[in-house]
């Protein structure tokens, strides 16, 4: 379990570094042979990629076909992983960038507002940061995050 967590955290750290980095043309395969990686690191390992995808499916309570186009259903389901035809996949990329930005920039601002001093030395290049916000933070196993109930109406004046 610790190994999976370490792989996920490493992949998430890579995501933070690549969220705003221009990527090579989408049609060229990555070093690992993956095509159309736009937010995930191009040199991601199969194990890292699967760990990230499993986190997405658990966090949203979905299966792979939620974001990936189904090209066949028999004898088994086949998916077109590089395809961007589904809106859900395009939205997922934006959501990954959003959580990376929150973890990288906004949480530091909150800590500063709370009066925490900045670290004496900046984090080493490539140092892994513990992500505090991820898909599960809001989604909790649901495609659409649940909204809290509205507040009760104000009491009538007496």
Protein backbone atom coordinates (compact mmCIF):
# COMPACT_ATOMS: atom_id res chain seq x y z
CA UNK A 1 0.00 0.00 0.00
CA UNK A 2 2.84 2.41 0.85
CA UNK A 3 4.44 1.70 -2.53
CA UNK A 4 1.19 2.61 -4.31
CA UNK A 5 0.89 5.79 -2.27
CA UNK A 6 4.48 6.74 -3.06
CA UNK A 7 3.93 6.12 -6.79
CA UNK A 8 0.73 8.19 -6.71
CA UNK A 9 2.41 11.06 -4.87
CA UNK A 10 5.32 11.00 -7.28
CA UNK A 11 2.95 11.07 -10.24
CA UNK A 12 1.00 13.92 -8.67
CA UNK A 13 4.23 15.86 -8.16
CA UNK A 14 5.02 15.36 -11.83
CA UNK A 15 1.55 16.59 -12.70
CA UNK A 16 2.20 19.79 -10.81
CA UNK A 17 5.40 20.35 -12.76
CA UNK A 18 3.80 19.65 -16.13
CA UNK A 19 0.44 21.39 -15.73
CA UNK A 20 1.69 24.57 -17.39
CA UNK A 21 4.61 23.18 -19.36
CA UNK A 22 4.04 23.09 -23.12
CA UNK A 23 3.91 19.53 -24.37
CA UNK A 24 5.15 18.20 -27.70
CA UNK A 25 2.59 17.58 -30.43
CA UNK A 26 -0.22 15.33 -29.21
CA UNK A 27 0.14 12.95 -32.12
CA UNK A 28 3.68 11.89 -31.19
CA UNK A 29 3.89 8.99 -28.74
CA UNK A 30 5.55 9.44 -25.36
CA UNK A 31 8.71 7.65 -24.31
CA UNK A 32 6.48 4.93 -22.86
CA UNK A 33 4.49 4.72 -26.10
CA UNK A 34 1.44 6.60 -24.83
CA UNK A 35 -0.24 9.01 -27.23
CA UNK A 36 -1.95 12.31 -26.49
CA UNK A 37 -0.65 12.96 -22.98
CA UNK A 38 -1.36 16.64 -22.42
CA UNK A 39 -1.27 16.98 -18.63
CA UNK A 40 0.36 13.79 -17.40
CA UNK A 41 4.15 13.50 -17.75
CA UNK A 42 5.20 12.14 -21.13
CA UNK A 43 7.68 9.75 -19.51
CA UNK A 44 5.15 8.32 -17.06
CA UNK A 45 5.51 4.62 -16.35
CA UNK A 46 2.68 2.16 -16.86
CA UNK A 47 2.47 1.62 -13.09
CA UNK A 48 2.23 5.36 -12.41
CA UNK A 49 -0.39 5.85 -15.09
CA UNK A 50 -2.53 2.98 -13.81
CA UNK A 51 -2.26 4.26 -10.22
CA UNK A 52 -3.46 7.70 -11.30
CA UNK A 53 -6.31 6.29 -13.38
CA UNK A 54 -7.41 4.04 -10.49
CA UNK A 55 -7.45 7.08 -8.23
CA UNK A 56 -9.71 8.87 -10.72
CA UNK A 57 -12.12 5.95 -10.98
CA UNK A 58 -12.35 5.53 -7.20
CA UNK A 59 -12.67 9.25 -6.56
CA UNK A 60 -15.53 9.67 -9.05
CA UNK A 61 -17.13 6.23 -8.73
CA UNK A 62 -16.77 5.53 -12.45
CA UNK A 63 -15.12 3.08 -14.82
CA UNK A 64 -12.60 3.82 -17.56
CA UNK A 65 -15.35 4.24 -20.17
CA UNK A 66 -16.53 7.38 -18.37
CA UNK A 67 -13.67 9.36 -19.96
CA UNK A 68 -12.44 7.02 -22.70
CA UNK A 69 -14.28 6.21 -25.94
CA UNK A 70 -15.58 2.64 -26.23
CA UNK A 71 -14.66 1.15 -29.62
CA UNK A 72 -15.94 -2.40 -29.03
CA UNK A 73 -17.99 -4.24 -26.45
CA UNK A 74 -17.65 -7.85 -27.57
CA UNK A 75 -15.97 -10.13 -26.88
CA UNK A 76 -14.66 -7.58 -24.35
CA UNK A 77 -14.78 -3.83 -23.99
CA UNK A 78 -12.06 -1.99 -25.89
CA UNK A 79 -11.24 1.68 -25.40
CA UNK A 80 -9.60 4.35 -27.54
CA UNK A 81 -7.40 5.88 -24.85
CA UNK A 82 -5.83 8.67 -26.97
CA UNK A 83 -9.18 9.98 -28.23
CA UNK A 84 -10.35 13.38 -26.98
CA UNK A 85 -13.90 12.85 -28.26
CA UNK A 86 -15.45 12.71 -24.79
CA UNK A 87 -16.11 15.92 -22.90
CA UNK A 88 -15.41 14.13 -19.62
CA UNK A 89 -11.77 13.58 -20.60
CA UNK A 90 -11.30 17.21 -21.55
CA UNK A 91 -12.90 18.31 -18.28
CA UNK A 92 -10.68 15.90 -16.32
CA UNK A 93 -7.58 17.58 -17.71
CA UNK A 94 -8.79 20.97 -16.55
CA UNK A 95 -9.66 19.56 -13.14
CA UNK A 96 -6.16 18.07 -12.81
CA UNK A 97 -4.66 21.45 -13.61
CA UNK A 98 -6.98 23.10 -11.09
CA UNK A 99 -6.04 20.77 -8.22
CA UNK A 100 -2.35 21.10 -9.10
CA UNK A 101 -2.62 24.88 -8.96
CA UNK A 102 -4.50 24.75 -5.64
CA UNK A 103 -1.86 22.48 -4.12
CA UNK A 104 1.06 24.41 -5.59
CA UNK A 105 -0.06 28.02 -5.09
CA UNK A 106 -3.23 28.56 -3.10
CA UNK A 107 -2.52 26.39 -0.07
CA UNK A 108 0.73 28.28 0.47
CA UNK A 109 -1.26 31.54 0.47
CA UNK A 110 -3.64 30.11 3.07
CA UNK A 111 -0.74 29.07 5.28
CA UNK A 112 0.78 32.55 4.97
CA UNK A 113 -2.58 34.12 5.89
CA UNK A 114 -2.64 31.88 8.97
CA UNK A 115 0.68 33.40 9.99
CA UNK A 116 2.90 30.47 9.09
CA UNK A 117 6.34 31.62 8.04
CA UNK A 118 7.77 30.40 4.79
CA UNK A 119 10.36 27.65 5.01
CA UNK A 120 13.92 28.87 5.52
CA UNK A 121 15.00 27.30 2.25
CA UNK A 122 12.86 26.65 -0.80
CA UNK A 123 11.95 23.04 -1.49
CA UNK A 124 14.57 21.22 -3.50
CA UNK A 125 13.90 20.91 -7.21
CA UNK A 126 11.70 17.87 -7.76
CA UNK A 127 10.94 17.49 -4.05
CA UNK A 128 7.65 15.71 -3.49
CA UNK A 129 4.97 17.73 -1.80
CA UNK A 130 2.12 16.06 0.01
CA UNK A 131 -0.97 16.93 -2.02
CA UNK A 132 -3.81 18.16 0.14
CA UNK A 133 -6.46 18.60 -2.54
CA UNK A 134 -7.38 15.94 -5.07
CA UNK A 135 -10.41 14.52 -6.86
CA UNK A 136 -11.72 12.85 -3.71
CA UNK A 137 -11.71 16.16 -1.81
CA UNK A 138 -14.89 17.25 -3.59
CA UNK A 139 -16.20 14.26 -5.51
CA UNK A 140 -16.27 11.64 -2.71
CA UNK A 141 -17.08 8.82 -5.13
CA UNK A 142 -19.62 10.82 -7.16
CA UNK A 143 -19.33 12.23 -10.70
CA UNK A 144 -20.95 15.46 -9.55
CA UNK A 145 -19.83 16.78 -6.16
CA UNK A 146 -22.70 16.91 -3.71
CA UNK A 147 -23.76 20.38 -2.69
CA UNK A 148 -24.74 21.13 0.88
CA UNK A 149 -28.41 21.75 1.57
CA UNK A 150 -29.50 25.39 1.40
CA UNK A 151 -29.64 27.26 4.69
CA UNK A 152 -33.00 27.37 6.44
CA UNK A 153 -35.18 30.38 5.67
CA UNK A 154 -34.84 33.26 8.12
CA UNK A 155 -37.20 33.19 11.05
CA UNK A 156 -40.32 35.35 10.71
CA UNK A 157 -40.16 38.57 12.78
CA UNK A 158 -42.23 38.49 15.98
